[in-house]
Amino acid sequence: MGHIRMDSTKRYNCAHLICTYLLRNNITRADITAREIAQFHNLSRKSSQSISALLNFVYSNRIRETRFGFYIMGTLAFKKSDYPHHYNIQLIDGARGLL
């Protein structure tokens, strides 16, 4: 299975979508899927895959930098696979300045 390759601009656009979702819903922590974020912004299935790729990148590299505006505290996988689909996301202090 191939991985989606993202440039830095696309990564930051996806990170912006995630932070916007959290801030517009007035929450700082959420258990969410990439599909729910894409649906909130009325985006396509392809966008959901890009958001998921960013979430996997941030989680697998254990990134906690303000440039993304959030970090992932953990994941929940579906029963039949180890691939994480639900992400426990926490906003980083100062993320409000990203909007």
PDB file of N, CA and C in Angstrom:
ATOM      1  N   MET A   1       0.846  -1.165   0.000  1.00  0.00           N
ATOM      2  CA  MET A   1       0.000   0.000   0.000  1.00  0.00           C
ATOM      3  C   MET A   1       0.893   1.230   0.000  1.00  0.00           C
ATOM      4  N   GLY A   2       0.640   2.172  -0.887  1.00  0.00           N
ATOM      5  CA  GLY A   2       1.451   3.371  -0.995  1.00  0.00           C
ATOM      6  C   GLY A   2       1.045   4.438  -0.009  1.00  0.00           C
ATOM      7  N   HIS A   3       1.998   5.280   0.296  1.00  0.00           N
ATOM      8  CA  HIS A   3       1.749   6.389   1.198  1.00  0.00           C
ATOM      9  C   HIS A   3       1.537   7.658   0.392  1.00  0.00           C
ATOM     10  N   ILE A   4       0.723   8.548   0.918  1.00  0.00           N
ATOM     11  CA  ILE A   4       0.503   9.833   0.266  1.00  0.00           C
ATOM     12  C   ILE A   4       1.660  10.736   0.643  1.00  0.00           C
ATOM     13  N   ARG A   5       2.360  11.262  -0.361  1.00  0.00           N
ATOM     14  CA  ARG A   5       3.488  12.170  -0.133  1.00  0.00           C
ATOM     15  C   ARG A   5       2.949  13.586  -0.084  1.00  0.00           C
ATOM     16  N   MET A   6       3.323  14.343   0.947  1.00  0.00           N
ATOM     17  CA  MET A   6       2.810  15.696   1.112  1.00  0.00           C
ATOM     18  C   MET A   6       3.965  16.685   1.170  1.00  0.00           C
ATOM     19  N   ASP A   7       3.784  17.834   0.525  1.00  0.00           N
ATOM     20  CA  ASP A   7       4.763  18.895   0.699  1.00  0.00           C
ATOM     21  C   ASP A   7       4.385  19.716   1.928  1.00  0.00           C
ATOM     22  N   SER A   8       5.261  20.609   2.346  1.00  0.00           N
ATOM     23  CA  SER A   8       5.035  21.337   3.591  1.00  0.00           C
ATOM     24  C   SER A   8       3.812  22.246   3.521  1.00  0.00           C
ATOM     25  N   THR A   9       3.526  22.821   2.367  1.00  0.00           N
ATOM     26  CA  THR A   9       2.355  23.694   2.234  1.00  0.00           C
ATOM     27  C   THR A   9       1.078  22.908   2.472  1.00  0.00           C
ATOM     28  N   LYS A  10       0.992  21.718   1.901  1.00  0.00           N
ATOM     29  CA  LYS A  10      -0.191  20.881   2.081  1.00  0.00           C
ATOM     30  C   LYS A  10      -0.322  20.432   3.534  1.00  0.00           C
ATOM     31  N   ARG A  11       0.803  20.146   4.168  1.00  0.00           N
ATOM     32  CA  ARG A  11       0.771  19.763   5.584  1.00  0.00           C
ATOM     33  C   ARG A  11       0.196  20.879   6.436  1.00  0.00           C
ATOM     34  N   TYR A  12       0.649  22.097   6.198  1.00  0.00           N
ATOM     35  CA  TYR A  12       0.170  23.223   6.996  1.00  0.00           C
ATOM     36  C   TYR A  12      -1.294  23.540   6.697  1.00  0.00           C
ATOM     37  N   ASN A  13      -1.720  23.336   5.462  1.00  0.00           N
ATOM     38  CA  ASN A  13      -3.138  23.526   5.132  1.00  0.00           C
ATOM     39  C   ASN A  13      -4.004  22.506   5.880  1.00  0.00           C
ATOM     40  N   CYS A  14      -3.552  21.271   5.918  1.00  0.00           N
ATOM     41  CA  CYS A  14      -4.293  20.232   6.650  1.00  0.00           C
ATOM     42  C   CYS A  14      -4.282  20.519   8.146  1.00  0.00           C
ATOM     43  N   ALA A  15      -3.147  20.973   8.671  1.00  0.00           N
ATOM     44  CA  ALA A  15      -3.063  21.315  10.096  1.00  0.00           C
ATOM     45  C   ALA A  15      -4.014  22.462  10.414  1.00  0.00           C
ATOM     46  N   HIS A  16      -4.122  23.416   9.499  1.00  0.00           N
ATOM     47  CA  HIS A  16      -5.037  24.542   9.678  1.00  0.00           C
ATOM     48  C   HIS A  16      -6.483  24.053   9.748  1.00  0.00           C
ATOM     49  N   LEU A  17      -6.841  23.086   8.897  1.00  0.00           N
ATOM     50  CA  LEU A  17      -8.193  22.529   8.910  1.00  0.00           C
ATOM     51  C   LEU A  17      -8.496  21.864  10.255  1.00  0.00           C
ATOM     52  N   ILE A  18      -7.519  21.157  10.797  1.00  0.00           N
ATOM     53  CA  ILE A  18      -7.705  20.467  12.076  1.00  0.00           C
ATOM     54  C   ILE A  18      -7.887  21.480  13.206  1.00  0.00           C
ATOM     55  N   CYS A  19      -7.019  22.476  13.248  1.00  0.00           N
ATOM     56  CA  CYS A  19      -7.120  23.508  14.295  1.00  0.00           C
ATOM     57  C   CYS A  19      -8.416  24.294  14.164  1.00  0.00           C
ATOM     58  N   THR A  20      -8.811  24.608  12.939  1.00  0.00           N
ATOM     59  CA  THR A  20     -10.058  25.330  12.713  1.00  0.00           C
ATOM     60  C   THR A  20     -11.244  24.527  13.221  1.00  0.00           C
ATOM     61  N   TYR A  21     -11.243  23.225  12.963  1.00  0.00           N
ATOM     62  CA  TYR A  21     -12.314  22.358  13.453  1.00  0.00           C
ATOM     63  C   TYR A  21     -12.433  22.466  14.971  1.00  0.00           C
ATOM     64  N   LEU A  22     -11.305  22.341  15.661  1.00  0.00           N
ATOM     65  CA  LEU A  22     -11.318  22.376  17.127  1.00  0.00           C
ATOM     66  C   LEU A  22     -11.737  23.743  17.654  1.00  0.00           C
ATOM     67  N   LEU A  23     -11.195  24.797  17.074  1.00  0.00           N
ATOM     68  CA  LEU A  23     -11.483  26.138  17.571  1.00  0.00           C
ATOM     69  C   LEU A  23     -12.921  26.577  17.298  1.00  0.00           C
ATOM     70  N   ARG A  24     -13.448  26.242  16.136  1.00  0.00           N
ATOM     71  CA  ARG A  24     -14.831  26.626  15.822  1.00  0.00           C
ATOM     72  C   ARG A  24     -15.848  25.862  16.650  1.00  0.00           C
ATOM     73  N   ASN A  25     -15.462  24.690  17.123  1.00  0.00           N
ATOM     74  CA  ASN A  25     -16.335  23.914  18.008  1.00  0.00           C
ATOM     75  C   ASN A  25     -16.041  24.201  19.480  1.00  0.00           C
ATOM     76  N   ASN A  26     -15.174  25.170  19.738  1.00  0.00           N
ATOM     77  CA  ASN A  26     -14.809  25.585  21.103  1.00  0.00           C
ATOM     78  C   ASN A  26     -14.338  24.421  21.968  1.00  0.00           C
ATOM     79  N   ILE A  27     -13.490  23.574  21.397  1.00  0.00           N
ATOM     80  CA  ILE A  27     -12.921  22.458  22.142  1.00  0.00           C
ATOM     81  C   ILE A  27     -11.394  22.493  22.007  1.00  0.00           C
ATOM     82  N   THR A  28     -10.717  22.023  23.018  1.00  0.00           N
ATOM     83  CA  THR A  28      -9.259  21.961  22.960  1.00  0.00           C
ATOM     84  C   THR A  28      -8.756  20.536  22.853  1.00  0.00           C
ATOM     85  N   ARG A  29      -9.648  19.576  23.098  1.00  0.00           N
ATOM     86  CA  ARG A  29      -9.292  18.161  23.005  1.00  0.00           C
ATOM     87  C   ARG A  29     -10.442  17.413  22.359  1.00  0.00           C
ATOM     88  N   ALA A  30     -10.119  16.508  21.430  1.00  0.00           N
ATOM     89  CA  ALA A  30     -11.170  15.756  20.745  1.00  0.00           C
ATOM     90  C   ALA A  30     -10.684  14.371  20.359  1.00  0.00           C
ATOM     91  N   ASP A  31     -11.614  13.438  20.336  1.00  0.00           N
ATOM     92  CA  ASP A  31     -11.391  12.104  19.790  1.00  0.00           C
ATOM     93  C   ASP A  31     -12.092  12.113  18.436  1.00  0.00           C
ATOM     94  N   ILE A  32     -11.340  12.204  17.356  1.00  0.00           N
ATOM     95  CA  ILE A  32     -11.900  12.534  16.044  1.00  0.00           C
ATOM     96  C   ILE A  32     -11.259  11.706  14.935  1.00  0.00           C
ATOM     97  N   THR A  33     -11.948  11.604  13.821  1.00  0.00           N
ATOM     98  CA  THR A  33     -11.395  10.953  12.634  1.00  0.00           C
ATOM     99  C   THR A  33     -11.107  12.000  11.568  1.00  0.00           C
ATOM    100  N   ALA A  34     -10.273  11.648  10.615  1.00  0.00           N
ATOM    101  CA  ALA A  34      -9.970  12.543   9.500  1.00  0.00           C
ATOM    102  C   ALA A  34     -11.235  12.797   8.675  1.00  0.00           C
ATOM    103  N   ARG A  35     -12.078  11.795   8.555  1.00  0.00           N
ATOM    104  CA  ARG A  35     -13.316  11.945   7.792  1.00  0.00           C
ATOM    105  C   ARG A  35     -14.236  12.983   8.427  1.00  0.00           C
ATOM    106  N   GLU A  36     -14.325  12.992   9.753  1.00  0.00           N
ATOM    107  CA  GLU A  36     -15.176  13.973  10.440  1.00  0.00           C
ATOM    108  C   GLU A  36     -14.674  15.396  10.216  1.00  0.00           C
ATOM    109  N   ILE A  37     -13.373  15.573  10.196  1.00  0.00           N
ATOM    110  CA  ILE A  37     -12.801  16.895   9.934  1.00  0.00           C
ATOM    111  C   ILE A  37     -13.112  17.324   8.506  1.00  0.00           C
ATOM    112  N   ALA A  38     -12.952  16.421   7.550  1.00  0.00           N
ATOM    113  CA  ALA A  38     -13.241  16.736   6.151  1.00  0.00           C
ATOM    114  C   ALA A  38     -14.722  17.048   5.953  1.00  0.00           C
ATOM    115  N   GLN A  39     -15.603  16.295   6.592  1.00  0.00           N
ATOM    116  CA  GLN A  39     -17.037  16.554   6.470  1.00  0.00           C
ATOM    117  C   GLN A  39     -17.413  17.891   7.084  1.00  0.00           C
ATOM    118  N   PHE A  40     -16.782  18.275   8.174  1.00  0.00           N
ATOM    119  CA  PHE A  40     -17.051  19.562   8.806  1.00  0.00           C
ATOM    120  C   PHE A  40     -16.754  20.711   7.841  1.00  0.00           C
ATOM    121  N   HIS A  41     -15.708  20.553   7.052  1.00  0.00           N
ATOM    122  CA  HIS A  41     -15.303  21.588   6.096  1.00  0.00           C
ATOM    123  C   HIS A  41     -15.906  21.369   4.704  1.00  0.00           C
ATOM    124  N   ASN A  42     -16.797  20.385   4.568  1.00  0.00           N
ATOM    125  CA  ASN A  42     -17.421  20.038   3.282  1.00  0.00           C
ATOM    126  C   ASN A  42     -16.380  19.729   2.203  1.00  0.00           C
ATOM    127  N   LEU A  43     -15.415  18.881   2.556  1.00  0.00           N
ATOM    128  CA  LEU A  43     -14.347  18.514   1.638  1.00  0.00           C
ATOM    129  C   LEU A  43     -14.556  17.099   1.108  1.00  0.00           C
ATOM    130  N   SER A  44     -13.822  16.756   0.072  1.00  0.00           N
ATOM    131  CA  SER A  44     -13.956  15.461  -0.591  1.00  0.00           C
ATOM    132  C   SER A  44     -13.265  14.337   0.187  1.00  0.00           C
ATOM    133  N   ARG A  45     -13.497  13.131  -0.281  1.00  0.00           N
ATOM    134  CA  ARG A  45     -12.862  11.935   0.301  1.00  0.00           C
ATOM    135  C   ARG A  45     -11.341  12.021   0.159  1.00  0.00           C
ATOM    136  N   LYS A  46     -10.872  12.580  -0.931  1.00  0.00           N
ATOM    137  CA  LYS A  46      -9.430  12.742  -1.164  1.00  0.00           C
ATOM    138  C   LYS A  46      -8.823  13.647  -0.082  1.00  0.00           C
ATOM    139  N   SER A  47      -9.545  14.678   0.311  1.00  0.00           N
ATOM    140  CA  SER A  47      -9.065  15.568   1.367  1.00  0.00           C
ATOM    141  C   SER A  47      -8.983  14.823   2.692  1.00  0.00           C
ATOM    142  N   SER A  48      -9.913  13.937   2.926  1.00  0.00           N
ATOM    143  CA  SER A  48      -9.898  13.118   4.129  1.00  0.00           C
ATOM    144  C   SER A  48      -8.622  12.274   4.181  1.00  0.00           C
ATOM    145  N   GLN A  49      -8.194  11.769   3.047  1.00  0.00           N
ATOM    146  CA  GLN A  49      -6.968  10.974   2.986  1.00  0.00           C
ATOM    147  C   GLN A  49      -5.744  11.830   3.289  1.00  0.00           C
ATOM    148  N   SER A  50      -5.749  13.074   2.823  1.00  0.00           N
ATOM    149  CA  SER A  50      -4.637  13.986   3.093  1.00  0.00           C
ATOM    150  C   SER A  50      -4.571  14.339   4.579  1.00  0.00           C
ATOM    151  N   ILE A  51      -5.725  14.582   5.184  1.00  0.00           N
ATOM    152  CA  ILE A  51      -5.775  14.886   6.613  1.00  0.00           C
ATOM    153  C   ILE A  51      -5.290  13.679   7.408  1.00  0.00           C
ATOM    154  N   SER A  52      -5.721  12.502   7.008  1.00  0.00           N
ATOM    155  CA  SER A  52      -5.294  11.271   7.670  1.00  0.00           C
ATOM    156  C   SER A  52      -3.785  11.083   7.542  1.00  0.00           C
ATOM    157  N   ALA A  53      -3.228  11.389   6.378  1.00  0.00           N
ATOM    158  CA  ALA A  53      -1.783  11.269   6.168  1.00  0.00           C
ATOM    159  C   ALA A  53      -1.027  12.213   7.105  1.00  0.00           C
ATOM    160  N   LEU A  54      -1.536  13.434   7.281  1.00  0.00           N
ATOM    161  CA  LEU A  54      -0.895  14.371   8.201  1.00  0.00           C
ATOM    162  C   LEU A  54      -0.991  13.872   9.634  1.00  0.00           C
ATOM    163  N   LEU A  55      -2.167  13.388  10.023  1.00  0.00           N
ATOM    164  CA  LEU A  55      -2.337  12.878  11.381  1.00  0.00           C
ATOM    165  C   LEU A  55      -1.393  11.710  11.654  1.00  0.00           C
ATOM    166  N   ASN A  56      -1.241  10.820  10.683  1.00  0.00           N
ATOM    167  CA  ASN A  56      -0.304   9.698  10.827  1.00  0.00           C
ATOM    168  C   ASN A  56       1.131  10.194  10.944  1.00  0.00           C
ATOM    169  N   PHE A  57       1.486  11.204  10.144  1.00  0.00           N
ATOM    170  CA  PHE A  57       2.828  11.789  10.168  1.00  0.00           C
ATOM    171  C   PHE A  57       3.127  12.385  11.541  1.00  0.00           C
ATOM    172  N   VAL A  58       2.200  13.186  12.065  1.00  0.00           N
ATOM    173  CA  VAL A  58       2.389  13.833  13.368  1.00  0.00           C
ATOM    174  C   VAL A  58       2.470  12.778  14.470  1.00  0.00           C
ATOM    175  N   TYR A  59       1.599  11.778  14.405  1.00  0.00           N
ATOM    176  CA  TYR A  59       1.584  10.742  15.440  1.00  0.00           C
ATOM    177  C   TYR A  59       2.832   9.863  15.386  1.00  0.00           C
ATOM    178  N   SER A  60       3.189   9.378  14.228  1.00  0.00           N
ATOM    179  CA  SER A  60       4.319   8.453  14.125  1.00  0.00           C
ATOM    180  C   SER A  60       5.652   9.124  14.432  1.00  0.00           C
ATOM    181  N   ASN A  61       5.761  10.420  14.190  1.00  0.00           N
ATOM    182  CA  ASN A  61       6.995  11.152  14.483  1.00  0.00           C
ATOM    183  C   ASN A  61       6.958  11.862  15.839  1.00  0.00           C
ATOM    184  N   ARG A  62       5.856  11.688  16.561  1.00  0.00           N
ATOM    185  CA  ARG A  62       5.680  12.273  17.898  1.00  0.00           C
ATOM    186  C   ARG A  62       5.962  13.775  17.911  1.00  0.00           C
ATOM    187  N   ILE A  63       5.384  14.470  16.953  1.00  0.00           N
ATOM    188  CA  ILE A  63       5.613  15.907  16.801  1.00  0.00           C
ATOM    189  C   ILE A  63       4.723  16.681  17.765  1.00  0.00           C
ATOM    190  N   ARG A  64       5.329  17.605  18.504  1.00  0.00           N
ATOM    191  CA  ARG A  64       4.608  18.495  19.416  1.00  0.00           C
ATOM    192  C   ARG A  64       5.097  19.913  19.199  1.00  0.00           C
ATOM    193  N   GLU A  65       4.988  20.394  17.993  1.00  0.00           N
ATOM    194  CA  GLU A  65       5.497  21.719  17.654  1.00  0.00           C
ATOM    195  C   GLU A  65       4.339  22.675  17.394  1.00  0.00           C
ATOM    196  N   THR A  66       4.540  23.927  17.773  1.00  0.00           N
ATOM    197  CA  THR A  66       3.482  24.925  17.602  1.00  0.00           C
ATOM    198  C   THR A  66       3.197  25.213  16.133  1.00  0.00           C
ATOM    199  N   ARG A  67       4.091  24.881  15.235  1.00  0.00           N
ATOM    200  CA  ARG A  67       3.839  25.145  13.813  1.00  0.00           C
ATOM    201  C   ARG A  67       2.634  24.371  13.297  1.00  0.00           C
ATOM    202  N   PHE A  68       2.322  23.234  13.902  1.00  0.00           N
ATOM    203  CA  PHE A  68       1.120  22.498  13.522  1.00  0.00           C
ATOM    204  C   PHE A  68      -0.085  22.912  14.364  1.00  0.00           C
ATOM    205  N   GLY A  69       0.136  23.344  15.577  1.00  0.00           N
ATOM    206  CA  GLY A  69      -0.952  23.830  16.422  1.00  0.00           C
ATOM    207  C   GLY A  69      -1.635  22.768  17.268  1.00  0.00           C
ATOM    208  N   PHE A  70      -1.252  21.530  17.132  1.00  0.00           N
ATOM    209  CA  PHE A  70      -1.864  20.438  17.893  1.00  0.00           C
ATOM    210  C   PHE A  70      -0.869  19.301  18.024  1.00  0.00           C
ATOM    211  N   TYR A  71      -1.172  18.383  18.906  1.00  0.00           N
ATOM    212  CA  TYR A  71      -0.432  17.137  18.980  1.00  0.00           C
ATOM    213  C   TYR A  71      -1.416  16.012  19.230  1.00  0.00           C
ATOM    214  N   ILE A  72      -0.967  14.809  19.010  1.00  0.00           N
ATOM    215  CA  ILE A  72      -1.838  13.641  19.143  1.00  0.00           C
ATOM    216  C   ILE A  72      -1.430  12.870  20.390  1.00  0.00           C
ATOM    217  N   MET A  73      -2.376  12.774  21.311  1.00  0.00           N
ATOM    218  CA  MET A  73      -2.124  12.096  22.579  1.00  0.00           C
ATOM    219  C   MET A  73      -2.213  10.578  22.429  1.00  0.00           C
ATOM    220  N   GLY A  74      -2.987  10.106  21.466  1.00  0.00           N
ATOM    221  CA  GLY A  74      -3.128   8.668  21.265  1.00  0.00           C
ATOM    222  C   GLY A  74      -4.068   8.370  20.117  1.00  0.00           C
ATOM    223  N   THR A  75      -4.224   7.099  19.810  1.00  0.00           N
ATOM    224  CA  THR A  75      -5.101   6.671  18.726  1.00  0.00           C
ATOM    225  C   THR A  75      -5.943   5.486  19.175  1.00  0.00           C
ATOM    226  N   LEU A  76      -7.020   5.257  18.453  1.00  0.00           N
ATOM    227  CA  LEU A  76      -7.863   4.088  18.639  1.00  0.00           C
ATOM    228  C   LEU A  76      -8.038   3.425  17.281  1.00  0.00           C
ATOM    229  N   ALA A  77      -7.754   2.134  17.210  1.00  0.00           N
ATOM    230  CA  ALA A  77      -7.866   1.411  15.948  1.00  0.00           C
ATOM    231  C   ALA A  77      -9.186   0.658  15.886  1.00  0.00           C
ATOM    232  N   PHE A  78      -9.622   0.377  14.654  1.00  0.00           N
ATOM    233  CA  PHE A  78     -10.765  -0.495  14.485  1.00  0.00           C
ATOM    234  C   PHE A  78     -10.378  -1.905  14.916  1.00  0.00           C
ATOM    235  N   LYS A  79     -11.365  -2.736  15.210  1.00  0.00           N
ATOM    236  CA  LYS A  79     -11.111  -4.068  15.733  1.00  0.00           C
ATOM    237  C   LYS A  79     -10.293  -4.953  14.789  1.00  0.00           C
ATOM    238  N   LYS A  80     -10.526  -4.868  13.486  1.00  0.00           N
ATOM    239  CA  LYS A  80      -9.921  -5.811  12.552  1.00  0.00           C
ATOM    240  C   LYS A  80      -8.559  -5.365  12.018  1.00  0.00           C
ATOM    241  N   SER A  81      -8.100  -4.175  12.385  1.00  0.00           N
ATOM    242  CA  SER A  81      -6.801  -3.731  11.890  1.00  0.00           C
ATOM    243  C   SER A  81      -6.103  -2.875  12.936  1.00  0.00           C
ATOM    244  N   ASP A  82      -4.813  -2.729  12.796  1.00  0.00           N
ATOM    245  CA  ASP A  82      -4.045  -1.892  13.709  1.00  0.00           C
ATOM    246  C   ASP A  82      -3.923  -0.465  13.201  1.00  0.00           C
ATOM    247  N   TYR A  83      -4.473  -0.179  12.036  1.00  0.00           N
ATOM    248  CA  TYR A  83      -4.377   1.156  11.460  1.00  0.00           C
ATOM    249  C   TYR A  83      -5.229   2.121  12.278  1.00  0.00           C
ATOM    250  N   PRO A  84      -4.635   3.174  12.838  1.00  0.00           N
ATOM    251  CA  PRO A  84      -5.419   4.086  13.687  1.00  0.00           C
ATOM    252  C   PRO A  84      -6.389   4.937  12.870  1.00  0.00           C
ATOM    253  N   HIS A  85      -7.621   4.968  13.280  1.00  0.00           N
ATOM    254  CA  HIS A  85      -8.629   5.754  12.593  1.00  0.00           C
ATOM    255  C   HIS A  85      -9.150   6.900  13.456  1.00  0.00           C
ATOM    256  N   HIS A  86      -9.188   6.721  14.749  1.00  0.00           N
ATOM    257  CA  HIS A  86      -9.607   7.773  15.674  1.00  0.00           C
ATOM    258  C   HIS A  86      -8.363   8.337  16.350  1.00  0.00           C
ATOM    259  N   TYR A  87      -8.262   9.643  16.370  1.00  0.00           N
ATOM    260  CA  TYR A  87      -7.107  10.310  16.962  1.00  0.00           C
ATOM    261  C   TYR A  87      -7.572  11.142  18.150  1.00  0.00           C
ATOM    262  N   ASN A  88      -6.836  11.071  19.238  1.00  0.00           N
ATOM    263  CA  ASN A  88      -7.104  11.908  20.393  1.00  0.00           C
ATOM    264  C   ASN A  88      -6.187  13.121  20.258  1.00  0.00           C
ATOM    265  N   ILE A  89      -6.763  14.242  19.811  1.00  0.00           N
ATOM    266  CA  ILE A  89      -6.013  15.442  19.460  1.00  0.00           C
ATOM    267  C   ILE A  89      -6.144  16.488  20.557  1.00  0.00           C
ATOM    268  N   GLN A  90      -5.037  17.161  20.857  1.00  0.00           N
ATOM    269  CA  GLN A  90      -5.000  18.222  21.856  1.00  0.00           C
ATOM    270  C   GLN A  90      -4.402  19.472  21.197  1.00  0.00           C
ATOM    271  N   LEU A  91      -5.079  20.610  21.341  1.00  0.00           N
ATOM    272  CA  LEU A  91      -4.518  21.866  20.841  1.00  0.00           C
ATOM    273  C   LEU A  91      -3.315  22.272  21.693  1.00  0.00           C
ATOM    274  N   ILE A  92      -2.341  22.867  21.054  1.00  0.00           N
ATOM    275  CA  ILE A  92      -1.178  23.411  21.755  1.00  0.00           C
ATOM    276  C   ILE A  92      -1.495  24.854  22.106  1.00  0.00           C
ATOM    277  N   ASP A  93      -1.057  25.296  23.284  1.00  0.00           N
ATOM    278  CA  ASP A  93      -1.235  26.697  23.675  1.00  0.00           C
ATOM    279  C   ASP A  93      -0.659  27.593  22.581  1.00  0.00           C
ATOM    280  N   GLY A  94      -1.404  28.596  22.201  1.00  0.00           N
ATOM    281  CA  GLY A  94      -0.978  29.507  21.145  1.00  0.00           C
ATOM    282  C   GLY A  94      -1.521  29.140  19.786  1.00  0.00           C
ATOM    283  N   ALA A  95      -2.286  28.054  19.682  1.00  0.00           N
ATOM    284  CA  ALA A  95      -2.843  27.644  18.394  1.00  0.00           C
ATOM    285  C   ALA A  95      -3.885  28.624  17.883  1.00  0.00           C
ATOM    286  N   ARG A  96      -4.502  29.384  18.771  1.00  0.00           N
ATOM    287  CA  ARG A  96      -5.492  30.364  18.348  1.00  0.00           C
ATOM    288  C   ARG A  96      -4.876  31.412  17.426  1.00  0.00           C
ATOM    289  N   GLY A  97      -3.610  31.670  17.566  1.00  0.00           N
ATOM    290  CA  GLY A  97      -2.927  32.621  16.712  1.00  0.00           C
ATOM    291  C   GLY A  97      -2.726  32.124  15.283  1.00  0.00           C
ATOM    292  N   LEU A  98      -2.944  30.824  15.042  1.00  0.00           N
ATOM    293  CA  LEU A  98      -2.765  30.257  13.709  1.00  0.00           C
ATOM    294  C   LEU A  98      -3.924  30.605  12.778  1.00  0.00           C
ATOM    295  N   LEU A  99      -5.082  30.972  13.336  1.00  0.00           N
ATOM    296  CA  LEU A  99      -6.248  31.260  12.491  1.00  0.00           C
ATOM    297  C   LEU A  99      -6.223  32.658  11.968  1.00  0.00           C
TER     298      LEU A  99
END
